[in-house]
Amino acid sequence: MITLDQIRSLDLKVTKAVERIRTLQQENTALKKTLSSYEKKVGDLEVLIEDFKQGQGEIEKGILTALSQLDRLEDELGGEGSSIQSNDSPPVQAKQAEKPDVTSPPEEQDEGEGNNSEQPQTGELDIF
């Protein structure tokens, strides 16, 4: 036979189960809303990515067009470009005379350059 305590215990378990179901339903609803907002954000980001890809393609096309035009201009100038360059730029010897002697001892260099004993004396700068 079923006792009153068993019925109360069963009622308490049913009440707890119902409360748990309600809590889970509320959590499910909140998660669905969050998922919906994330899906919208993903859609917006996909649109931005497509716009970026399209813009990137247009930029690349513009760069290629500019390079092509420069190549044609260079081809048209042909020998003229080399004579223009030699007239505008100083001779190589003059450029070398303007550069400080990197291989000279530190006392022969300008005081503003500093004395860095770690730099190699090979004419190349160690930037690392």
N, C-alpha and C. Protein backbone atom coordinates (compact mmCIF):
# COMPACT_ATOMS: atom_id res chain seq x y z
N MET A 1 0.81 -1.17 0.00
CA MET A 1 0.00 0.00 0.00
C MET A 1 0.87 1.26 0.00
N ILE A 2 0.38 2.31 -0.62
CA ILE A 2 1.12 3.56 -0.76
C ILE A 2 0.83 4.42 0.47
N THR A 3 1.92 4.97 1.01
CA THR A 3 1.74 5.80 2.19
C THR A 3 1.72 7.27 1.81
N LEU A 4 1.31 8.08 2.75
CA LEU A 4 1.23 9.52 2.53
C LEU A 4 2.63 10.11 2.33
N ASP A 5 3.63 9.59 3.01
CA ASP A 5 5.00 10.07 2.84
C ASP A 5 5.52 9.81 1.42
N GLN A 6 5.16 8.69 0.87
CA GLN A 6 5.58 8.37 -0.49
C GLN A 6 4.96 9.33 -1.49
N ILE A 7 3.71 9.69 -1.27
CA ILE A 7 3.02 10.63 -2.16
C ILE A 7 3.65 12.01 -2.03
N ARG A 8 3.96 12.44 -0.82
CA ARG A 8 4.61 13.74 -0.62
C ARG A 8 5.99 13.74 -1.29
N SER A 9 6.74 12.67 -1.12
CA SER A 9 8.05 12.55 -1.74
C SER A 9 7.93 12.61 -3.26
N LEU A 10 6.96 11.90 -3.80
CA LEU A 10 6.71 11.91 -5.25
C LEU A 10 6.32 13.30 -5.72
N ASP A 11 5.46 13.97 -4.97
CA ASP A 11 5.03 15.33 -5.31
C ASP A 11 6.22 16.28 -5.30
N LEU A 12 7.10 16.15 -4.31
CA LEU A 12 8.28 17.00 -4.22
C LEU A 12 9.21 16.76 -5.42
N LYS A 13 9.39 15.51 -5.80
CA LYS A 13 10.23 15.18 -6.95
C LYS A 13 9.63 15.73 -8.24
N VAL A 14 8.33 15.64 -8.39
CA VAL A 14 7.66 16.16 -9.58
C VAL A 14 7.80 17.69 -9.62
N THR A 15 7.62 18.34 -8.50
CA THR A 15 7.75 19.79 -8.42
C THR A 15 9.17 20.22 -8.81
N LYS A 16 10.18 19.52 -8.28
CA LYS A 16 11.57 19.83 -8.63
C LYS A 16 11.82 19.61 -10.12
N ALA A 17 11.28 18.55 -10.66
CA ALA A 17 11.46 18.25 -12.09
C ALA A 17 10.81 19.34 -12.95
N VAL A 18 9.62 19.79 -12.56
CA VAL A 18 8.93 20.85 -13.30
C VAL A 18 9.75 22.14 -13.25
N GLU A 19 10.28 22.47 -12.08
CA GLU A 19 11.10 23.68 -11.94
C GLU A 19 12.37 23.57 -12.79
N ARG A 20 12.95 22.40 -12.79
CA ARG A 20 14.16 22.19 -13.60
C ARG A 20 13.84 22.33 -15.09
N ILE A 21 12.72 21.81 -15.50
CA ILE A 21 12.29 21.92 -16.91
C ILE A 21 12.08 23.39 -17.28
N ARG A 22 11.44 24.16 -16.40
CA ARG A 22 11.23 25.59 -16.67
C ARG A 22 12.57 26.33 -16.79
N THR A 23 13.48 26.03 -15.87
CA THR A 23 14.79 26.67 -15.91
C THR A 23 15.52 26.35 -17.21
N LEU A 24 15.46 25.09 -17.60
CA LEU A 24 16.11 24.67 -18.84
C LEU A 24 15.46 25.30 -20.06
N GLN A 25 14.15 25.46 -20.03
CA GLN A 25 13.45 26.12 -21.15
C GLN A 25 13.86 27.58 -21.26
N GLN A 26 14.00 28.25 -20.10
CA GLN A 26 14.43 29.65 -20.12
C GLN A 26 15.87 29.76 -20.64
N GLU A 27 16.71 28.85 -20.19
CA GLU A 27 18.09 28.84 -20.65
C GLU A 27 18.15 28.57 -22.15
N ASN A 28 17.32 27.65 -22.61
CA ASN A 28 17.27 27.32 -24.04
C ASN A 28 16.84 28.54 -24.86
N THR A 29 15.85 29.26 -24.37
CA THR A 29 15.37 30.46 -25.06
C THR A 29 16.48 31.52 -25.13
N ALA A 30 17.19 31.71 -24.01
CA ALA A 30 18.28 32.68 -23.98
C ALA A 30 19.39 32.27 -24.95
N LEU A 31 19.72 30.98 -24.98
CA LEU A 31 20.76 30.50 -25.89
C LEU A 31 20.35 30.66 -27.35
N LYS A 32 19.07 30.44 -27.65
CA LYS A 32 18.59 30.63 -29.02
C LYS A 32 18.71 32.09 -29.44
N LYS A 33 18.40 33.02 -28.52
CA LYS A 33 18.54 34.44 -28.83
C LYS A 33 20.00 34.79 -29.07
N THR A 34 20.88 34.27 -28.23
CA THR A 34 22.30 34.53 -28.39
C THR A 34 22.80 33.97 -29.72
N LEU A 35 22.37 32.74 -30.03
CA LEU A 35 22.76 32.12 -31.30
C LEU A 35 22.27 32.96 -32.48
N SER A 36 21.05 33.44 -32.39
CA SER A 36 20.50 34.26 -33.47
C SER A 36 21.32 35.53 -33.66
N SER A 37 21.70 36.18 -32.55
CA SER A 37 22.50 37.40 -32.68
C SER A 37 23.89 37.09 -33.25
N TYR A 38 24.46 35.94 -32.85
CA TYR A 38 25.77 35.55 -33.40
C TYR A 38 25.67 35.23 -34.89
N GLU A 39 24.60 34.58 -35.29
CA GLU A 39 24.42 34.27 -36.71
C GLU A 39 24.29 35.55 -37.52
N LYS A 40 23.61 36.55 -36.96
CA LYS A 40 23.49 37.84 -37.65
C LYS A 40 24.85 38.50 -37.78
N LYS A 41 25.64 38.45 -36.70
CA LYS A 41 26.98 39.03 -36.76
C LYS A 41 27.85 38.30 -37.78
N VAL A 42 27.75 36.99 -37.84
CA VAL A 42 28.52 36.21 -38.80
C VAL A 42 28.12 36.62 -40.23
N GLY A 43 26.82 36.79 -40.45
CA GLY A 43 26.35 37.23 -41.77
C GLY A 43 26.90 38.59 -42.13
N ASP A 44 26.91 39.51 -41.16
CA ASP A 44 27.45 40.85 -41.41
C ASP A 44 28.95 40.77 -41.73
N LEU A 45 29.66 39.93 -40.98
CA LEU A 45 31.10 39.79 -41.22
C LEU A 45 31.37 39.15 -42.58
N GLU A 46 30.54 38.22 -42.99
CA GLU A 46 30.72 37.62 -44.32
C GLU A 46 30.53 38.65 -45.41
N VAL A 47 29.57 39.56 -45.22
CA VAL A 47 29.38 40.64 -46.19
C VAL A 47 30.62 41.54 -46.23
N LEU A 48 31.16 41.86 -45.05
CA LEU A 48 32.37 42.68 -45.00
C LEU A 48 33.54 41.99 -45.68
N ILE A 49 33.66 40.69 -45.49
CA ILE A 49 34.74 39.94 -46.12
C ILE A 49 34.60 39.98 -47.63
N GLU A 50 33.40 39.80 -48.12
CA GLU A 50 33.18 39.85 -49.56
C GLU A 50 33.50 41.24 -50.12
N ASP A 51 33.08 42.28 -49.38
CA ASP A 51 33.40 43.65 -49.81
C ASP A 51 34.92 43.85 -49.82
N PHE A 52 35.58 43.33 -48.81
CA PHE A 52 37.04 43.45 -48.73
C PHE A 52 37.70 42.73 -49.90
N LYS A 53 37.23 41.51 -50.19
CA LYS A 53 37.80 40.76 -51.31
C LYS A 53 37.60 41.50 -52.62
N GLN A 54 36.41 42.06 -52.81
CA GLN A 54 36.13 42.81 -54.03
C GLN A 54 37.03 44.04 -54.11
N GLY A 55 37.17 44.75 -53.00
CA GLY A 55 38.04 45.93 -52.98
C GLY A 55 39.48 45.54 -53.22
N GLN A 56 39.89 44.41 -52.65
CA GLN A 56 41.25 43.93 -52.85
C GLN A 56 41.49 43.61 -54.31
N GLY A 57 40.52 43.01 -54.95
CA GLY A 57 40.64 42.70 -56.37
C GLY A 57 40.76 43.96 -57.21
N GLU A 58 39.97 44.97 -56.87
CA GLU A 58 40.04 46.23 -57.60
C GLU A 58 41.40 46.91 -57.40
N ILE A 59 41.92 46.83 -56.17
CA ILE A 59 43.23 47.42 -55.89
C ILE A 59 44.30 46.71 -56.69
N GLU A 60 44.27 45.38 -56.69
CA GLU A 60 45.25 44.61 -57.46
C GLU A 60 45.16 44.93 -58.94
N LYS A 61 43.93 45.06 -59.45
CA LYS A 61 43.75 45.38 -60.86
C LYS A 61 44.32 46.76 -61.17
N GLY A 62 44.09 47.72 -60.28
CA GLY A 62 44.63 49.06 -60.47
C GLY A 62 46.14 49.08 -60.44
N ILE A 63 46.73 48.31 -59.53
CA ILE A 63 48.19 48.25 -59.45
C ILE A 63 48.76 47.62 -60.71
N LEU A 64 48.14 46.53 -61.17
CA LEU A 64 48.61 45.89 -62.39
C LEU A 64 48.49 46.81 -63.60
N THR A 65 47.41 47.58 -63.65
CA THR A 65 47.24 48.54 -64.74
C THR A 65 48.33 49.61 -64.69
N ALA A 66 48.60 50.12 -63.49
CA ALA A 66 49.64 51.14 -63.34
C ALA A 66 51.00 50.58 -63.72
N LEU A 67 51.29 49.35 -63.29
CA LEU A 67 52.57 48.74 -63.65
C LEU A 67 52.68 48.53 -65.16
N SER A 68 51.58 48.14 -65.77
CA SER A 68 51.57 47.95 -67.22
C SER A 68 51.85 49.27 -67.94
N GLN A 69 51.22 50.33 -67.46
CA GLN A 69 51.44 51.64 -68.06
C GLN A 69 52.89 52.08 -67.88
N LEU A 70 53.45 51.81 -66.71
CA LEU A 70 54.85 52.16 -66.48
C LEU A 70 55.77 51.35 -67.39
N ASP A 71 55.45 50.07 -67.58
CA ASP A 71 56.25 49.25 -68.49
C ASP A 71 56.19 49.80 -69.91
N ARG A 72 54.99 50.18 -70.36
CA ARG A 72 54.85 50.74 -71.71
C ARG A 72 55.62 52.04 -71.85
N LEU A 73 55.54 52.86 -70.80
CA LEU A 73 56.27 54.13 -70.82
C LEU A 73 57.77 53.88 -70.88
N GLU A 74 58.22 52.92 -70.11
CA GLU A 74 59.64 52.58 -70.11
C GLU A 74 60.07 52.05 -71.48
N ASP A 75 59.22 51.22 -72.10
CA ASP A 75 59.52 50.69 -73.42
C ASP A 75 59.56 51.80 -74.47
N GLU A 76 58.63 52.76 -74.35
CA GLU A 76 58.59 53.88 -75.31
C GLU A 76 59.82 54.76 -75.17
N LEU A 77 60.26 54.99 -73.92
CA LEU A 77 61.42 55.84 -73.71
C LEU A 77 62.69 55.14 -74.16
N GLY A 78 62.76 53.83 -73.97
CA GLY A 78 63.90 53.04 -74.43
C GLY A 78 65.21 53.63 -74.00
N GLY A 79 66.02 54.02 -74.94
CA GLY A 79 67.34 54.58 -74.67
C GLY A 79 67.27 55.96 -74.07
N GLU A 80 66.19 56.69 -74.28
CA GLU A 80 66.08 58.04 -73.74
C GLU A 80 66.13 58.01 -72.22
N GLY A 81 65.54 57.00 -71.60
CA GLY A 81 65.50 56.92 -70.15
C GLY A 81 66.88 56.82 -69.55
N SER A 82 67.79 56.08 -70.19
CA SER A 82 69.14 55.94 -69.64
C SER A 82 69.91 57.24 -69.76
N SER A 83 69.72 58.00 -70.85
CA SER A 83 70.43 59.27 -70.98
C SER A 83 69.87 60.29 -70.01
N ILE A 84 68.58 60.25 -69.76
CA ILE A 84 67.98 61.17 -68.80
C ILE A 84 68.52 60.86 -67.41
N GLN A 85 68.61 59.61 -67.09
CA GLN A 85 69.08 59.20 -65.78
C GLN A 85 70.53 59.63 -65.57
N SER A 86 71.36 59.46 -66.57
CA SER A 86 72.77 59.80 -66.40
C SER A 86 72.96 61.31 -66.30
N ASN A 87 72.09 62.12 -66.91
CA ASN A 87 72.21 63.57 -66.82
C ASN A 87 71.71 64.08 -65.48
N ASP A 88 70.69 63.45 -64.91
CA ASP A 88 70.10 63.93 -63.66
C ASP A 88 70.85 63.46 -62.43
N SER A 89 71.45 62.30 -62.47
CA SER A 89 72.08 61.75 -61.28
C SER A 89 73.58 62.04 -61.29
N PRO A 90 74.15 62.32 -60.10
CA PRO A 90 75.59 62.57 -60.05
C PRO A 90 76.35 61.28 -60.32
N PRO A 91 77.58 61.38 -60.76
CA PRO A 91 78.37 60.18 -61.03
C PRO A 91 78.51 59.32 -59.77
N VAL A 92 78.78 58.06 -59.99
CA VAL A 92 78.88 57.11 -58.89
C VAL A 92 80.03 57.48 -57.97
N GLN A 93 81.14 57.98 -58.53
CA GLN A 93 82.29 58.34 -57.71
C GLN A 93 81.93 59.48 -56.76
N ALA A 94 81.13 60.42 -57.21
CA ALA A 94 80.73 61.53 -56.35
C ALA A 94 79.84 61.04 -55.23
N LYS A 95 78.96 60.08 -55.53
CA LYS A 95 78.09 59.52 -54.49
C LYS A 95 78.91 58.81 -53.44
N GLN A 96 79.93 58.08 -53.85
CA GLN A 96 80.76 57.36 -52.90
C GLN A 96 81.57 58.33 -52.05
N ALA A 97 81.97 59.46 -52.60
CA ALA A 97 82.74 60.44 -51.84
C ALA A 97 81.88 61.08 -50.76
N GLU A 98 80.56 61.18 -50.98
CA GLU A 98 79.68 61.79 -50.00
C GLU A 98 79.42 60.87 -48.82
N LYS A 99 79.53 59.55 -48.99
CA LYS A 99 79.26 58.60 -47.92
C LYS A 99 80.40 58.60 -46.93
N PRO A 100 80.10 58.51 -45.61
CA PRO A 100 81.18 58.40 -44.63
C PRO A 100 81.84 57.04 -44.75
N ASP A 101 83.09 56.98 -44.43
CA ASP A 101 83.84 55.74 -44.52
C ASP A 101 83.49 54.89 -43.31
N VAL A 102 82.73 53.82 -43.54
CA VAL A 102 82.24 52.98 -42.46
C VAL A 102 83.37 52.12 -41.89
N THR A 103 84.37 51.84 -42.70
CA THR A 103 85.45 50.97 -42.26
C THR A 103 86.55 51.74 -41.54
N SER A 104 86.49 53.05 -41.49
CA SER A 104 87.53 53.83 -40.83
C SER A 104 87.38 53.70 -39.31
N PRO A 105 88.45 53.90 -38.56
CA PRO A 105 88.38 53.81 -37.10
C PRO A 105 87.43 54.85 -36.55
N PRO A 106 86.87 54.61 -35.35
CA PRO A 106 85.87 55.53 -34.78
C PRO A 106 86.38 56.94 -34.59
N GLU A 107 87.67 57.17 -34.35
CA GLU A 107 88.15 58.52 -34.15
C GLU A 107 88.12 59.35 -35.42
N GLU A 108 88.10 58.68 -36.61
CA GLU A 108 88.03 59.41 -37.87
C GLU A 108 86.61 59.74 -38.27
N GLN A 109 85.61 59.08 -37.68
CA GLN A 109 84.21 59.34 -38.00
C GLN A 109 83.74 60.56 -37.24
N ASP A 110 82.60 61.13 -37.70
CA ASP A 110 82.03 62.28 -37.02
C ASP A 110 81.64 61.91 -35.61
N GLU A 111 81.70 62.87 -34.70
CA GLU A 111 81.34 62.61 -33.31
C GLU A 111 79.85 62.34 -33.16
N GLY A 112 78.99 62.86 -34.04
CA GLY A 112 77.54 62.68 -33.96
C GLY A 112 77.11 61.26 -34.25
N GLU A 113 77.97 60.48 -34.89
CA GLU A 113 77.59 59.11 -35.23
C GLU A 113 77.68 58.18 -34.05
N GLY A 114 78.41 58.49 -33.04
CA GLY A 114 78.53 57.64 -31.87
C GLY A 114 79.57 56.57 -32.09
N ASN A 115 79.98 55.94 -31.00
CA ASN A 115 80.99 54.90 -31.07
C ASN A 115 80.34 53.59 -30.69
N ASN A 116 79.99 52.79 -31.68
CA ASN A 116 79.33 51.51 -31.43
C ASN A 116 80.30 50.41 -31.81
N SER A 117 80.94 49.81 -30.82
CA SER A 117 81.95 48.80 -31.10
C SER A 117 81.34 47.49 -31.54
N GLU A 118 80.03 47.32 -31.40
CA GLU A 118 79.39 46.07 -31.79
C GLU A 118 79.08 46.02 -33.28
N GLN A 119 79.09 47.16 -33.98
CA GLN A 119 78.80 47.16 -35.40
C GLN A 119 79.94 46.55 -36.17
N PRO A 120 79.64 45.69 -37.14
CA PRO A 120 80.72 45.12 -37.95
C PRO A 120 81.32 46.19 -38.84
N GLN A 121 82.57 46.06 -39.13
CA GLN A 121 83.29 47.03 -39.94
C GLN A 121 83.36 46.57 -41.39
N THR A 122 82.27 46.01 -41.90
CA THR A 122 82.27 45.46 -43.26
C THR A 122 81.58 46.37 -44.25
N GLY A 123 81.06 47.51 -43.81
CA GLY A 123 80.35 48.37 -44.72
C GLY A 123 78.85 48.13 -44.69
N GLU A 124 78.40 47.11 -43.97
CA GLU A 124 76.99 46.82 -43.84
C GLU A 124 76.58 47.09 -42.40
N LEU A 125 75.36 47.52 -42.22
CA LEU A 125 74.87 47.79 -40.87
C LEU A 125 74.18 46.55 -40.33
N ASP A 126 74.44 46.25 -39.09
CA ASP A 126 73.77 45.13 -38.42
C ASP A 126 72.57 45.69 -37.69
N ILE A 127 71.37 45.45 -38.20
CA ILE A 127 70.17 46.04 -37.62
C ILE A 127 69.52 45.14 -36.59
N PHE A 128 70.05 43.96 -36.39
CA PHE A 128 69.46 43.06 -35.41
C PHE A 128 70.33 42.99 -34.22
